[in-house]
C-alpha atoms as a PDB file:
ATOM      1  CA  MET A   1      15.398 -60.431  -6.844  1.00  0.00           C
ATOM      2  CA  ASN A   2      19.195 -60.057  -6.784  1.00  0.00           C
ATOM      3  CA  ARG A   3      21.099 -58.942  -3.701  1.00  0.00           C
ATOM      4  CA  PHE A   4      21.379 -55.352  -4.934  1.00  0.00           C
ATOM      5  CA  GLY A   5      17.623 -55.260  -5.568  1.00  0.00           C
ATOM      6  CA  ASP A   6      16.972 -56.609  -2.072  1.00  0.00           C
ATOM      7  CA  PHE A   7      19.226 -53.909  -0.619  1.00  0.00           C
ATOM      8  CA  GLU A   8      17.508 -51.126  -2.594  1.00  0.00           C
ATOM      9  CA  TYR A   9      14.081 -52.478  -1.624  1.00  0.00           C
ATOM     10  CA  GLY A  10      15.143 -52.470   2.035  1.00  0.00           C
ATOM     11  CA  LEU A  11      16.225 -48.818   1.816  1.00  0.00           C
ATOM     12  CA  VAL A  12      12.928 -47.810   0.207  1.00  0.00           C
ATOM     13  CA  MET A  13      10.993 -49.628   2.911  1.00  0.00           C
ATOM     14  CA  LYS A  14      13.041 -47.903   5.629  1.00  0.00           C
ATOM     15  CA  GLU A  15      12.338 -44.521   4.053  1.00  0.00           C
ATOM     16  CA  GLU A  16       8.610 -45.291   3.836  1.00  0.00           C
ATOM     17  CA  SER A  17       8.698 -46.330   7.484  1.00  0.00           C
ATOM     18  CA  ALA A  18      10.474 -43.060   8.334  1.00  0.00           C
ATOM     19  CA  LYS A  19       7.729 -41.081   6.576  1.00  0.00           C
ATOM     20  CA  GLY A  20       5.178 -42.762   8.848  1.00  0.00           C
ATOM     21  CA  LEU A  21       7.360 -41.989  11.863  1.00  0.00           C
ATOM     22  CA  ALA A  22       7.604 -38.363  10.744  1.00  0.00           C
ATOM     23  CA  ARG A  23       3.814 -38.033  10.606  1.00  0.00           C
ATOM     24  CA  ARG A  24       3.481 -39.474  14.116  1.00  0.00           C
ATOM     25  CA  ALA A  25       6.430 -37.438  15.428  1.00  0.00           C
ATOM     26  CA  LYS A  26       4.955 -34.177  14.149  1.00  0.00           C
ATOM     27  CA  ALA A  27       1.703 -35.103  15.874  1.00  0.00           C
ATOM     28  CA  GLY A  28       3.596 -35.263  19.185  1.00  0.00           C
ATOM     29  CA  ASP A  29       4.223 -39.013  19.619  1.00  0.00           C
ATOM     30  CA  ALA A  30       7.356 -39.171  21.828  1.00  0.00           C
ATOM     31  CA  GLN A  31       8.247 -42.731  20.796  1.00  0.00           C
ATOM     32  CA  ALA A  32       8.031 -41.788  17.102  1.00  0.00           C
ATOM     33  CA  GLN A  33      10.178 -38.709  17.781  1.00  0.00           C
ATOM     34  CA  PHE A  34      12.791 -40.912  19.431  1.00  0.00           C
ATOM     35  CA  GLU A  35      12.729 -43.461  16.597  1.00  0.00           C
ATOM     36  CA  LEU A  36      12.979 -40.724  13.960  1.00  0.00           C
ATOM     37  CA  GLY A  37      15.966 -39.347  15.865  1.00  0.00           C
ATOM     38  CA  ASN A  38      17.513 -42.827  15.691  1.00  0.00           C
ATOM     39  CA  PHE A  39      16.789 -42.969  11.957  1.00  0.00           C
ATOM     40  CA  TYR A  40      18.828 -39.811  11.360  1.00  0.00           C
ATOM     41  CA  HIS A  41      21.439 -40.787  13.959  1.00  0.00           C
ATOM     42  CA  ASN A  42      22.148 -44.145  12.315  1.00  0.00           C
ATOM     43  CA  GLY A  43      21.764 -42.984   8.728  1.00  0.00           C
ATOM     44  CA  VAL A  44      20.023 -46.183   7.655  1.00  0.00           C
ATOM     45  CA  GLY A  45      17.846 -45.376   4.652  1.00  0.00           C
ATOM     46  CA  SER A  46      18.987 -41.762   4.900  1.00  0.00           C
ATOM     47  CA  THR A  47      22.126 -39.700   5.234  1.00  0.00           C
ATOM     48  CA  GLN A  48      23.450 -39.394   8.767  1.00  0.00           C
ATOM     49  CA  ASN A  49      22.322 -36.129  10.298  1.00  0.00           C
ATOM     50  CA  TYR A  50      23.143 -35.671  13.967  1.00  0.00           C
ATOM     51  CA  THR A  51      21.689 -32.162  13.991  1.00  0.00           C
ATOM     52  CA  ARG A  52      18.294 -33.504  12.913  1.00  0.00           C
ATOM     53  CA  ALA A  53      18.637 -36.474  15.277  1.00  0.00           C
ATOM     54  CA  LEU A  54      19.262 -33.996  18.106  1.00  0.00           C
ATOM     55  CA  TYR A  55      16.152 -32.017  17.088  1.00  0.00           C
ATOM     56  CA  TRP A  56      13.930 -35.094  17.426  1.00  0.00           C
ATOM     57  CA  TYR A  57      15.656 -36.326  20.590  1.00  0.00           C
ATOM     58  CA  GLN A  58      15.007 -32.917  22.168  1.00  0.00           C
ATOM     59  CA  LYS A  59      11.314 -33.106  21.233  1.00  0.00           C
ATOM     60  CA  ALA A  60      10.983 -36.592  22.758  1.00  0.00           C
ATOM     61  CA  SER A  61      13.111 -35.654  25.763  1.00  0.00           C
ATOM     62  CA  ALA A  62      10.794 -32.732  26.523  1.00  0.00           C
ATOM     63  CA  GLN A  63       8.111 -35.386  26.953  1.00  0.00           C
ATOM     64  CA  LYS A  64      10.359 -37.312  29.382  1.00  0.00           C
ATOM     65  CA  HIS A  65      11.288 -40.101  26.928  1.00  0.00           C
ATOM     66  CA  GLU A  66      14.201 -41.817  28.709  1.00  0.00           C
ATOM     67  CA  GLY A  67      15.862 -43.171  25.569  1.00  0.00           C
ATOM     68  CA  ALA A  68      15.878 -39.727  23.980  1.00  0.00           C
ATOM     69  CA  GLN A  69      17.283 -38.182  27.153  1.00  0.00           C
ATOM     70  CA  ARG A  70      20.208 -40.646  27.015  1.00  0.00           C
ATOM     71  CA  MET A  71      20.904 -39.884  23.330  1.00  0.00           C
ATOM     72  CA  LEU A  72      20.962 -36.065  23.609  1.00  0.00           C
ATOM     73  CA  THR A  73      24.591 -35.730  24.697  1.00  0.00           C
ATOM     74  CA  GLN A  74      25.831 -38.286  22.192  1.00  0.00           C
ATOM     75  CA  ALA A  75      24.090 -36.546  19.276  1.00  0.00           C
ATOM     76  CA  GLN A  76      25.434 -33.134  20.373  1.00  0.00           C
ATOM     77  CA  ARG A  77      28.972 -34.496  20.582  1.00  0.00           C
ATOM     78  CA  LEU A  78      28.782 -36.143  17.134  1.00  0.00           C
ATOM     79  CA  ILE A  79      27.467 -33.172  15.116  1.00  0.00           C
ATOM     80  CA  GLY A  80      29.844 -32.639  12.199  1.00  0.00           C
ATOM     81  CA  THR A  81      31.197 -36.180  12.166  1.00  0.00           C
ATOM     82  CA  GLU A  82      28.480 -37.517   9.871  1.00  0.00           C
ATOM     83  CA  TYR A  83      29.891 -39.821   7.213  1.00  0.00           C
ATOM     84  CA  ILE A  84      28.458 -38.657   3.886  1.00  0.00           C
ATOM     85  CA  THR A  85      29.716 -39.174   0.338  1.00  0.00           C
ATOM     86  CA  GLY A  86      32.873 -40.946   1.518  1.00  0.00           C
ATOM     87  CA  ASN A  87      34.040 -38.445   4.130  1.00  0.00           C
ATOM     88  CA  THR A  88      32.998 -36.802   7.385  1.00  0.00           C
ATOM     89  CA  LEU A  89      31.566 -33.282   7.355  1.00  0.00           C
ATOM     90  CA  LYS A  90      34.441 -31.962   9.463  1.00  0.00           C
ATOM     91  CA  LYS A  91      37.044 -33.190   6.944  1.00  0.00           C
ATOM     92  CA  MET A  92      35.303 -31.865   3.811  1.00  0.00           C
ATOM     93  CA  THR A  93      36.196 -28.821   1.792  1.00  0.00           C
ATOM     94  CA  GLU A  94      33.641 -26.009   1.862  1.00  0.00           C
ATOM     95  CA  ASP A  95      32.162 -27.079  -1.501  1.00  0.00           C
ATOM     96  CA  GLU A  96      31.963 -30.738  -0.446  1.00  0.00           C
ATOM     97  CA  ARG A  97      30.296 -29.741   2.823  1.00  0.00           C
ATOM     98  CA  ARG A  98      27.675 -27.614   1.049  1.00  0.00           C
ATOM     99  CA  TYR A  99      26.929 -30.535  -1.279  1.00  0.00           C
ATOM    100  CA  ALA A 100      26.644 -33.021   1.613  1.00  0.00           C
ATOM    101  CA  GLU A 101      24.449 -30.658   3.636  1.00  0.00           C
ATOM    102  CA  GLY A 102      22.247 -30.252   0.573  1.00  0.00           C
ATOM    103  CA  LEU A 103      21.854 -34.036   0.437  1.00  0.00           C
ATOM    104  CA  GLN A 104      20.889 -34.029   4.106  1.00  0.00           C
ATOM    105  CA  LYS A 105      18.284 -31.294   3.611  1.00  0.00           C
ATOM    106  CA  ARG A 106      16.816 -32.991   0.550  1.00  0.00           C
ATOM    107  CA  LYS A 107      16.434 -36.254   2.481  1.00  0.00           C
ATOM    108  CA  ILE A 108      14.735 -34.445   5.380  1.00  0.00           C
ATOM    109  CA  ILE A 109      12.235 -32.864   2.996  1.00  0.00           C
ATOM    110  CA  GLU A 110      11.598 -36.244   1.326  1.00  0.00           C
ATOM    111  CA  ILE A 111      10.864 -37.824   4.699  1.00  0.00           C
ATOM    112  CA  GLU A 112       9.267 -35.021   6.713  1.00  0.00           C
ATOM    113  CA  GLY A 113       7.830 -32.813   3.976  1.00  0.00           C
ATOM    114  CA  ASP A 114       8.353 -29.095   3.475  1.00  0.00           C
ATOM    115  CA  ASP A 115       6.753 -28.018   6.735  1.00  0.00           C
ATOM    116  CA  ASN A 116       9.478 -29.473   8.943  1.00  0.00           C
ATOM    117  CA  GLY A 117      10.614 -26.201  10.485  1.00  0.00           C
ATOM    118  CA  MET A 118      13.766 -25.940   8.419  1.00  0.00           C
ATOM    119  CA  GLU A 119      14.841 -22.561   7.154  1.00  0.00           C
ATOM    120  CA  LYS A 120      13.516 -22.012   3.662  1.00  0.00           C
ATOM    121  CA  LYS A 121      15.264 -19.918   1.061  1.00  0.00           C
ATOM    122  CA  ARG A 122      13.239 -18.037  -1.528  1.00  0.00           C
ATOM    123  CA  LYS A 123      14.316 -17.900  -5.102  1.00  0.00           C
ATOM    124  CA  VAL A 124      14.021 -14.496  -6.665  1.00  0.00           C
ATOM    125  CA  ARG A 125      12.923 -14.322 -10.276  1.00  0.00           C
ATOM    126  CA  ILE A 126      14.195 -11.529 -12.443  1.00  0.00           C
END
């Protein structure tokens, strides 16, 4: 396999690993919640999403996970500085930000499924 193929394979494997973490995290596993928070925090195999990282750190922290408790403040401070599509959220135009946030939401649904507690919008048919 070429280097690009190895890289793509690694990203797919990280996403598959994140899906397993998401199942365990939803079931209440504090370590999985912490690791899923790290997955979003680091943006490896996903888009960076400090808001979602904070969500999972809070869940793990509520169960007294020390690592998650240390990461809470850092994730809160970094919200909006995610580096997506070549820019940070804070420096994007409104259209660019909506696009980047859409990428984030799509990745969350791919990893965690539709029942992840995110606000859902209904499409109205005419």
